[in-house]
Amino acid sequence: MPTVISSRPTSESVQSASSVGITSQASQNNGDRLIKMLKSLYQADQQVKFLHLHAEADYLLQQLQTLKHHHSNSKGSVPASSSKN
């Protein structure tokens, strides 16, 4: 006895197909959200690294200026008698 396949979709098959479409759309939306979240985290991570490097550069510049200041003060305070020897 041959099996007859209905050409009309049943309500069950329509619901199944629509749930697959919704699931794939939800997966796509979740994937898009994940990508956006990772990009924002990456950007935040890069901003943190930049701020740390900027603070370190400022600190080193301040140390250099302090050393130059101390060096110039020590040259100016050398007694005249010791420079003549």
PDB file of N, CA and C in Angstrom:
ATOM      1  N   MET A   1       0.826  -1.148   0.000  1.00  0.00           N
ATOM      2  CA  MET A   1       0.000   0.000   0.000  1.00  0.00           C
ATOM      3  C   MET A   1       0.891   1.238   0.000  1.00  0.00           C
ATOM      4  N   PRO A   2       0.750   2.145  -0.976  1.00  0.00           N
ATOM      5  CA  PRO A   2       1.604   3.326  -1.068  1.00  0.00           C
ATOM      6  C   PRO A   2       1.241   4.335   0.002  1.00  0.00           C
ATOM      7  N   THR A   3       2.290   5.050   0.450  1.00  0.00           N
ATOM      8  CA  THR A   3       2.102   6.093   1.459  1.00  0.00           C
ATOM      9  C   THR A   3       1.826   7.400   0.749  1.00  0.00           C
ATOM     10  N   VAL A   4       0.797   8.069   1.169  1.00  0.00           N
ATOM     11  CA  VAL A   4       0.426   9.346   0.567  1.00  0.00           C
ATOM     12  C   VAL A   4       0.930  10.458   1.474  1.00  0.00           C
ATOM     13  N   ILE A   5       1.655  11.380   0.869  1.00  0.00           N
ATOM     14  CA  ILE A   5       2.179  12.516   1.634  1.00  0.00           C
ATOM     15  C   ILE A   5       1.302  13.720   1.327  1.00  0.00           C
ATOM     16  N   SER A   6       0.808  14.336   2.341  1.00  0.00           N
ATOM     17  CA  SER A   6      -0.057  15.487   2.169  1.00  0.00           C
ATOM     18  C   SER A   6       0.761  16.677   1.683  1.00  0.00           C
ATOM     19  N   SER A   7       0.210  17.402   0.715  1.00  0.00           N
ATOM     20  CA  SER A   7       0.912  18.571   0.202  1.00  0.00           C
ATOM     21  C   SER A   7       0.651  19.789   1.072  1.00  0.00           C
ATOM     22  N   ARG A   8      -0.367  19.702   1.920  1.00  0.00           N
ATOM     23  CA  ARG A   8      -0.666  20.812   2.816  1.00  0.00           C
ATOM     24  C   ARG A   8       0.065  20.604   4.134  1.00  0.00           C
ATOM     25  N   PRO A   9       0.711  21.653   4.613  1.00  0.00           N
ATOM     26  CA  PRO A   9       1.388  21.501   5.903  1.00  0.00           C
ATOM     27  C   PRO A   9       0.353  21.411   7.026  1.00  0.00           C
ATOM     28  N   THR A  10       0.628  20.594   7.974  1.00  0.00           N
ATOM     29  CA  THR A  10      -0.249  20.493   9.143  1.00  0.00           C
ATOM     30  C   THR A  10       0.110  21.606  10.107  1.00  0.00           C
ATOM     31  N   SER A  11      -0.773  21.865  11.029  1.00  0.00           N
ATOM     32  CA  SER A  11      -0.501  22.929  12.005  1.00  0.00           C
ATOM     33  C   SER A  11       0.720  22.574  12.839  1.00  0.00           C
ATOM     34  N   GLU A  12       0.931  21.283  13.066  1.00  0.00           N
ATOM     35  CA  GLU A  12       2.091  20.841  13.829  1.00  0.00           C
ATOM     36  C   GLU A  12       3.382  21.135  13.079  1.00  0.00           C
ATOM     37  N   SER A  13       3.405  20.875  11.775  1.00  0.00           N
ATOM     38  CA  SER A  13       4.621  21.134  11.004  1.00  0.00           C
ATOM     39  C   SER A  13       4.875  22.626  10.855  1.00  0.00           C
ATOM     40  N   VAL A  14       3.809  23.429  10.776  1.00  0.00           N
ATOM     41  CA  VAL A  14       3.973  24.887  10.699  1.00  0.00           C
ATOM     42  C   VAL A  14       4.556  25.407  12.000  1.00  0.00           C
ATOM     43  N   GLN A  15       4.035  24.911  13.131  1.00  0.00           N
ATOM     44  CA  GLN A  15       4.564  25.337  14.419  1.00  0.00           C
ATOM     45  C   GLN A  15       6.019  24.927  14.570  1.00  0.00           C
ATOM     46  N   SER A  16       6.341  23.727  14.117  1.00  0.00           N
ATOM     47  CA  SER A  16       7.704  23.238  14.208  1.00  0.00           C
ATOM     48  C   SER A  16       8.643  24.093  13.362  1.00  0.00           C
ATOM     49  N   ALA A  17       8.208  24.395  12.141  1.00  0.00           N
ATOM     50  CA  ALA A  17       9.034  25.209  11.242  1.00  0.00           C
ATOM     51  C   ALA A  17       9.197  26.618  11.792  1.00  0.00           C
ATOM     52  N   SER A  18       8.123  27.178  12.348  1.00  0.00           N
ATOM     53  CA  SER A  18       8.228  28.540  12.868  1.00  0.00           C
ATOM     54  C   SER A  18       9.089  28.575  14.125  1.00  0.00           C
ATOM     55  N   SER A  19       9.035  27.520  14.941  1.00  0.00           N
ATOM     56  CA  SER A  19       9.878  27.503  16.133  1.00  0.00           C
ATOM     57  C   SER A  19      11.343  27.361  15.756  1.00  0.00           C
ATOM     58  N   VAL A  20      11.633  26.627  14.682  1.00  0.00           N
ATOM     59  CA  VAL A  20      13.013  26.530  14.197  1.00  0.00           C
ATOM     60  C   VAL A  20      13.484  27.893  13.712  1.00  0.00           C
ATOM     61  N   GLY A  21      12.610  28.615  13.004  1.00  0.00           N
ATOM     62  CA  GLY A  21      12.946  29.960  12.532  1.00  0.00           C
ATOM     63  C   GLY A  21      13.183  30.904  13.684  1.00  0.00           C
ATOM     64  N   ILE A  22      12.337  30.814  14.706  1.00  0.00           N
ATOM     65  CA  ILE A  22      12.491  31.669  15.883  1.00  0.00           C
ATOM     66  C   ILE A  22      13.768  31.317  16.628  1.00  0.00           C
ATOM     67  N   THR A  23      14.033  30.010  16.733  1.00  0.00           N
ATOM     68  CA  THR A  23      15.241  29.569  17.422  1.00  0.00           C
ATOM     69  C   THR A  23      16.485  30.044  16.693  1.00  0.00           C
ATOM     70  N   SER A  24      16.497  29.932  15.365  1.00  0.00           N
ATOM     71  CA  SER A  24      17.677  30.375  14.625  1.00  0.00           C
ATOM     72  C   SER A  24      17.817  31.889  14.690  1.00  0.00           C
ATOM     73  N   GLN A  25      16.687  32.594  14.703  1.00  0.00           N
ATOM     74  CA  GLN A  25      16.741  34.051  14.833  1.00  0.00           C
ATOM     75  C   GLN A  25      17.243  34.432  16.222  1.00  0.00           C
ATOM     76  N   ALA A  26      16.780  33.716  17.243  1.00  0.00           N
ATOM     77  CA  ALA A  26      17.238  33.986  18.600  1.00  0.00           C
ATOM     78  C   ALA A  26      18.725  33.685  18.725  1.00  0.00           C
ATOM     79  N   SER A  27      19.162  32.599  18.087  1.00  0.00           N
ATOM     80  CA  SER A  27      20.591  32.270  18.109  1.00  0.00           C
ATOM     81  C   SER A  27      21.397  33.361  17.438  1.00  0.00           C
ATOM     82  N   GLN A  28      20.872  33.882  16.328  1.00  0.00           N
ATOM     83  CA  GLN A  28      21.562  34.966  15.616  1.00  0.00           C
ATOM     84  C   GLN A  28      21.624  36.206  16.498  1.00  0.00           C
ATOM     85  N   ASN A  29      20.502  36.533  17.163  1.00  0.00           N
ATOM     86  CA  ASN A  29      20.480  37.697  18.052  1.00  0.00           C
ATOM     87  C   ASN A  29      21.451  37.512  19.215  1.00  0.00           C
ATOM     88  N   ASN A  30      21.477  36.302  19.789  1.00  0.00           N
ATOM     89  CA  ASN A  30      22.419  36.028  20.878  1.00  0.00           C
ATOM     90  C   ASN A  30      23.853  36.131  20.388  1.00  0.00           C
ATOM     91  N   GLY A  31      24.100  35.646  19.175  1.00  0.00           N
ATOM     92  CA  GLY A  31      25.441  35.742  18.594  1.00  0.00           C
ATOM     93  C   GLY A  31      25.843  37.192  18.383  1.00  0.00           C
ATOM     94  N   ASP A  32      24.892  38.001  17.890  1.00  0.00           N
ATOM     95  CA  ASP A  32      25.170  39.428  17.690  1.00  0.00           C
ATOM     96  C   ASP A  32      25.453  40.113  19.024  1.00  0.00           C
ATOM     97  N   ARG A  33      24.657  39.762  20.048  1.00  0.00           N
ATOM     98  CA  ARG A  33      24.877  40.352  21.372  1.00  0.00           C
ATOM     99  C   ARG A  33      26.225  39.940  21.934  1.00  0.00           C
ATOM    100  N   LEU A  34      26.574  38.680  21.716  1.00  0.00           N
ATOM    101  CA  LEU A  34      27.859  38.189  22.209  1.00  0.00           C
ATOM    102  C   LEU A  34      29.006  38.923  21.531  1.00  0.00           C
ATOM    103  N   ILE A  35      28.911  39.114  20.231  1.00  0.00           N
ATOM    104  CA  ILE A  35      29.961  39.830  19.491  1.00  0.00           C
ATOM    105  C   ILE A  35      30.070  41.270  19.999  1.00  0.00           C
ATOM    106  N   LYS A  36      28.919  41.934  20.192  1.00  0.00           N
ATOM    107  CA  LYS A  36      28.942  43.310  20.690  1.00  0.00           C
ATOM    108  C   LYS A  36      29.550  43.365  22.090  1.00  0.00           C
ATOM    109  N   MET A  37      29.186  42.394  22.926  1.00  0.00           N
ATOM    110  CA  MET A  37      29.709  42.358  24.285  1.00  0.00           C
ATOM    111  C   MET A  37      31.225  42.139  24.270  1.00  0.00           C
ATOM    112  N   LEU A  38      31.681  41.201  23.418  1.00  0.00           N
ATOM    113  CA  LEU A  38      33.119  40.941  23.348  1.00  0.00           C
ATOM    114  C   LEU A  38      33.865  42.163  22.834  1.00  0.00           C
ATOM    115  N   LYS A  39      33.283  42.848  21.846  1.00  0.00           N
ATOM    116  CA  LYS A  39      33.929  44.057  21.328  1.00  0.00           C
ATOM    117  C   LYS A  39      34.012  45.125  22.410  1.00  0.00           C
ATOM    118  N   SER A  40      32.925  45.296  23.172  1.00  0.00           N
ATOM    119  CA  SER A  40      32.955  46.312  24.213  1.00  0.00           C
ATOM    120  C   SER A  40      33.930  45.926  25.318  1.00  0.00           C
ATOM    121  N   LEU A  41      34.008  44.638  25.650  1.00  0.00           N
ATOM    122  CA  LEU A  41      34.980  44.197  26.646  1.00  0.00           C
ATOM    123  C   LEU A  41      36.396  44.400  26.142  1.00  0.00           C
ATOM    124  N   TYR A  42      36.624  44.108  24.871  1.00  0.00           N
ATOM    125  CA  TYR A  42      37.944  44.292  24.291  1.00  0.00           C
ATOM    126  C   TYR A  42      38.310  45.771  24.326  1.00  0.00           C
ATOM    127  N   GLN A  43      37.353  46.622  23.958  1.00  0.00           N
ATOM    128  CA  GLN A  43      37.623  48.054  23.988  1.00  0.00           C
ATOM    129  C   GLN A  43      37.904  48.518  25.408  1.00  0.00           C
ATOM    130  N   ALA A  44      37.138  48.022  26.355  1.00  0.00           N
ATOM    131  CA  ALA A  44      37.357  48.411  27.751  1.00  0.00           C
ATOM    132  C   ALA A  44      38.727  47.937  28.211  1.00  0.00           C
ATOM    133  N   ASP A  45      39.105  46.728  27.819  1.00  0.00           N
ATOM    134  CA  ASP A  45      40.417  46.194  28.185  1.00  0.00           C
ATOM    135  C   ASP A  45      41.524  47.061  27.592  1.00  0.00           C
ATOM    136  N   GLN A  46      41.369  47.461  26.357  1.00  0.00           N
ATOM    137  CA  GLN A  46      42.365  48.317  25.718  1.00  0.00           C
ATOM    138  C   GLN A  46      42.422  49.683  26.397  1.00  0.00           C
ATOM    139  N   GLN A  47      41.270  50.218  26.802  1.00  0.00           N
ATOM    140  CA  GLN A  47      41.243  51.501  27.498  1.00  0.00           C
ATOM    141  C   GLN A  47      41.963  51.403  28.840  1.00  0.00           C
ATOM    142  N   VAL A  48      41.752  50.296  29.539  1.00  0.00           N
ATOM    143  CA  VAL A  48      42.427  50.101  30.831  1.00  0.00           C
ATOM    144  C   VAL A  48      43.932  50.034  30.622  1.00  0.00           C
ATOM    145  N   LYS A  49      44.367  49.285  29.600  1.00  0.00           N
ATOM    146  CA  LYS A  49      45.802  49.189  29.320  1.00  0.00           C
ATOM    147  C   LYS A  49      46.370  50.562  28.971  1.00  0.00           C
ATOM    148  N   PHE A  50      45.640  51.324  28.164  1.00  0.00           N
ATOM    149  CA  PHE A  50      46.101  52.653  27.782  1.00  0.00           C
ATOM    150  C   PHE A  50      46.224  53.551  29.007  1.00  0.00           C
ATOM    151  N   LEU A  51      45.214  53.524  29.881  1.00  0.00           N
ATOM    152  CA  LEU A  51      45.260  54.370  31.072  1.00  0.00           C
ATOM    153  C   LEU A  51      46.421  53.993  31.984  1.00  0.00           C
ATOM    154  N   HIS A  52      46.697  52.694  32.104  1.00  0.00           N
ATOM    155  CA  HIS A  52      47.844  52.264  32.915  1.00  0.00           C
ATOM    156  C   HIS A  52      49.153  52.744  32.301  1.00  0.00           C
ATOM    157  N   LEU A  53      49.280  52.615  30.989  1.00  0.00           N
ATOM    158  CA  LEU A  53      50.504  53.080  30.324  1.00  0.00           C
ATOM    159  C   LEU A  53      50.645  54.588  30.441  1.00  0.00           C
ATOM    160  N   HIS A  54      49.544  55.296  30.311  1.00  0.00           N
ATOM    161  CA  HIS A  54      49.568  56.757  30.423  1.00  0.00           C
ATOM    162  C   HIS A  54      50.001  57.174  31.834  1.00  0.00           C
ATOM    163  N   ALA A  55      49.458  56.498  32.836  1.00  0.00           N
ATOM    164  CA  ALA A  55      49.834  56.808  34.222  1.00  0.00           C
ATOM    165  C   ALA A  55      51.304  56.488  34.458  1.00  0.00           C
ATOM    166  N   GLU A  56      51.768  55.382  33.905  1.00  0.00           N
ATOM    167  CA  GLU A  56      53.177  55.019  34.070  1.00  0.00           C
ATOM    168  C   GLU A  56      54.082  56.038  33.383  1.00  0.00           C
ATOM    169  N   ALA A  57      53.698  56.491  32.199  1.00  0.00           N
ATOM    170  CA  ALA A  57      54.490  57.496  31.484  1.00  0.00           C
ATOM    171  C   ALA A  57      54.528  58.801  32.274  1.00  0.00           C
ATOM    172  N   ASP A  58      53.385  59.201  32.835  1.00  0.00           N
ATOM    173  CA  ASP A  58      53.351  60.416  33.658  1.00  0.00           C
ATOM    174  C   ASP A  58      54.263  60.281  34.878  1.00  0.00           C
ATOM    175  N   TYR A  59      54.224  59.115  35.516  1.00  0.00           N
ATOM    176  CA  TYR A  59      55.055  58.864  36.688  1.00  0.00           C
ATOM    177  C   TYR A  59      56.540  58.935  36.326  1.00  0.00           C
ATOM    178  N   LEU A  60      56.914  58.295  35.217  1.00  0.00           N
ATOM    179  CA  LEU A  60      58.321  58.307  34.794  1.00  0.00           C
ATOM    180  C   LEU A  60      58.775  59.709  34.409  1.00  0.00           C
ATOM    181  N   LEU A  61      57.898  60.458  33.769  1.00  0.00           N
ATOM    182  CA  LEU A  61      58.229  61.840  33.417  1.00  0.00           C
ATOM    183  C   LEU A  61      58.438  62.678  34.675  1.00  0.00           C
ATOM    184  N   GLN A  62      57.588  62.474  35.663  1.00  0.00           N
ATOM    185  CA  GLN A  62      57.731  63.193  36.923  1.00  0.00           C
ATOM    186  C   GLN A  62      59.046  62.825  37.614  1.00  0.00           C
ATOM    187  N   GLN A  63      59.403  61.538  37.591  1.00  0.00           N
ATOM    188  CA  GLN A  63      60.679  61.111  38.179  1.00  0.00           C
ATOM    189  C   GLN A  63      61.850  61.751  37.450  1.00  0.00           C
ATOM    190  N   LEU A  64      61.796  61.790  36.131  1.00  0.00           N
ATOM    191  CA  LEU A  64      62.861  62.391  35.331  1.00  0.00           C
ATOM    192  C   LEU A  64      63.010  63.873  35.653  1.00  0.00           C
ATOM    193  N   GLN A  65      61.888  64.563  35.750  1.00  0.00           N
ATOM    194  CA  GLN A  65      61.949  65.990  36.086  1.00  0.00           C
ATOM    195  C   GLN A  65      62.516  66.209  37.489  1.00  0.00           C
ATOM    196  N   THR A  66      62.149  65.345  38.412  1.00  0.00           N
ATOM    197  CA  THR A  66      62.684  65.440  39.775  1.00  0.00           C
ATOM    198  C   THR A  66      64.190  65.212  39.784  1.00  0.00           C
ATOM    199  N   LEU A  67      64.643  64.193  39.033  1.00  0.00           N
ATOM    200  CA  LEU A  67      66.086  63.920  38.964  1.00  0.00           C
ATOM    201  C   LEU A  67      66.842  65.087  38.325  1.00  0.00           C
ATOM    202  N   LYS A  68      66.275  65.663  37.272  1.00  0.00           N
ATOM    203  CA  LYS A  68      66.915  66.815  36.630  1.00  0.00           C
ATOM    204  C   LYS A  68      66.984  67.984  37.599  1.00  0.00           C
ATOM    205  N   HIS A  69      65.920  68.187  38.354  1.00  0.00           N
ATOM    206  CA  HIS A  69      65.889  69.286  39.318  1.00  0.00           C
ATOM    207  C   HIS A  69      66.953  69.077  40.394  1.00  0.00           C
ATOM    208  N   HIS A  70      67.037  67.854  40.921  1.00  0.00           N
ATOM    209  CA  HIS A  70      68.050  67.561  41.936  1.00  0.00           C
ATOM    210  C   HIS A  70      69.454  67.691  41.355  1.00  0.00           C
ATOM    211  N   HIS A  71      69.633  67.259  40.133  1.00  0.00           N
ATOM    212  CA  HIS A  71      70.939  67.328  39.488  1.00  0.00           C
ATOM    213  C   HIS A  71      71.360  68.785  39.273  1.00  0.00           C
ATOM    214  N   SER A  72      70.430  69.607  38.816  1.00  0.00           N
ATOM    215  CA  SER A  72      70.766  71.019  38.594  1.00  0.00           C
ATOM    216  C   SER A  72      71.014  71.737  39.923  1.00  0.00           C
ATOM    217  N   ASN A  73      70.300  71.362  40.966  1.00  0.00           N
ATOM    218  CA  ASN A  73      70.522  71.964  42.288  1.00  0.00           C
ATOM    219  C   ASN A  73      71.864  71.546  42.866  1.00  0.00           C
ATOM    220  N   SER A  74      72.248  70.312  42.632  1.00  0.00           N
ATOM    221  CA  SER A  74      73.527  69.856  43.187  1.00  0.00           C
ATOM    222  C   SER A  74      74.696  70.513  42.457  1.00  0.00           C
ATOM    223  N   LYS A  75      74.562  70.825  41.191  1.00  0.00           N
ATOM    224  CA  LYS A  75      75.626  71.521  40.465  1.00  0.00           C
ATOM    225  C   LYS A  75      75.760  72.945  40.952  1.00  0.00           C
ATOM    226  N   GLY A  76      74.646  73.575  41.233  1.00  0.00           N
ATOM    227  CA  GLY A  76      74.672  74.971  41.684  1.00  0.00           C
ATOM    228  C   GLY A  76      75.164  75.103  43.100  1.00  0.00           C
ATOM    229  N   SER A  77      75.075  74.065  43.907  1.00  0.00           N
ATOM    230  CA  SER A  77      75.463  74.166  45.320  1.00  0.00           C
ATOM    231  C   SER A  77      76.875  73.680  45.571  1.00  0.00           C
ATOM    232  N   VAL A  78      77.651  73.400  44.528  1.00  0.00           N
ATOM    233  CA  VAL A  78      79.040  72.943  44.698  1.00  0.00           C
ATOM    234  C   VAL A  78      79.861  74.120  45.189  1.00  0.00           C
ATOM    235  N   PRO A  79      80.574  73.948  46.279  1.00  0.00           N
ATOM    236  CA  PRO A  79      81.398  75.068  46.825  1.00  0.00           C
ATOM    237  C   PRO A  79      82.467  75.493  45.824  1.00  0.00           C
ATOM    238  N   ALA A  80      82.757  76.765  45.812  1.00  0.00           N
ATOM    239  CA  ALA A  80      83.729  77.332  44.878  1.00  0.00           C
ATOM    240  C   ALA A  80      85.128  76.812  45.148  1.00  0.00           C
ATOM    241  N   SER A  81      85.481  76.558  46.401  1.00  0.00           N
ATOM    242  CA  SER A  81      86.824  76.109  46.744  1.00  0.00           C
ATOM    243  C   SER A  81      87.096  74.711  46.177  1.00  0.00           C
ATOM    244  N   SER A  82      86.109  73.838  46.159  1.00  0.00           N
ATOM    245  CA  SER A  82      86.352  72.482  45.660  1.00  0.00           C
ATOM    246  C   SER A  82      86.436  72.453  44.147  1.00  0.00           C
ATOM    247  N   SER A  83      85.838  73.404  43.456  1.00  0.00           N
ATOM    248  CA  SER A  83      85.921  73.417  41.983  1.00  0.00           C
ATOM    249  C   SER A  83      87.252  73.970  41.517  1.00  0.00           C
ATOM    250  N   LYS A  84      88.011  74.713  42.369  1.00  0.00           N
ATOM    251  CA  LYS A  84      89.312  75.257  41.978  1.00  0.00           C
ATOM    252  C   LYS A  84      90.433  74.250  42.111  1.00  0.00           C
ATOM    253  N   ASN A  85      90.269  73.212  42.886  1.00  0.00           N
ATOM    254  CA  ASN A  85      91.328  72.222  43.117  1.00  0.00           C
ATOM    255  C   ASN A  85      91.595  71.460  41.914  1.00  0.00           C
TER     256      ASN A  85
END
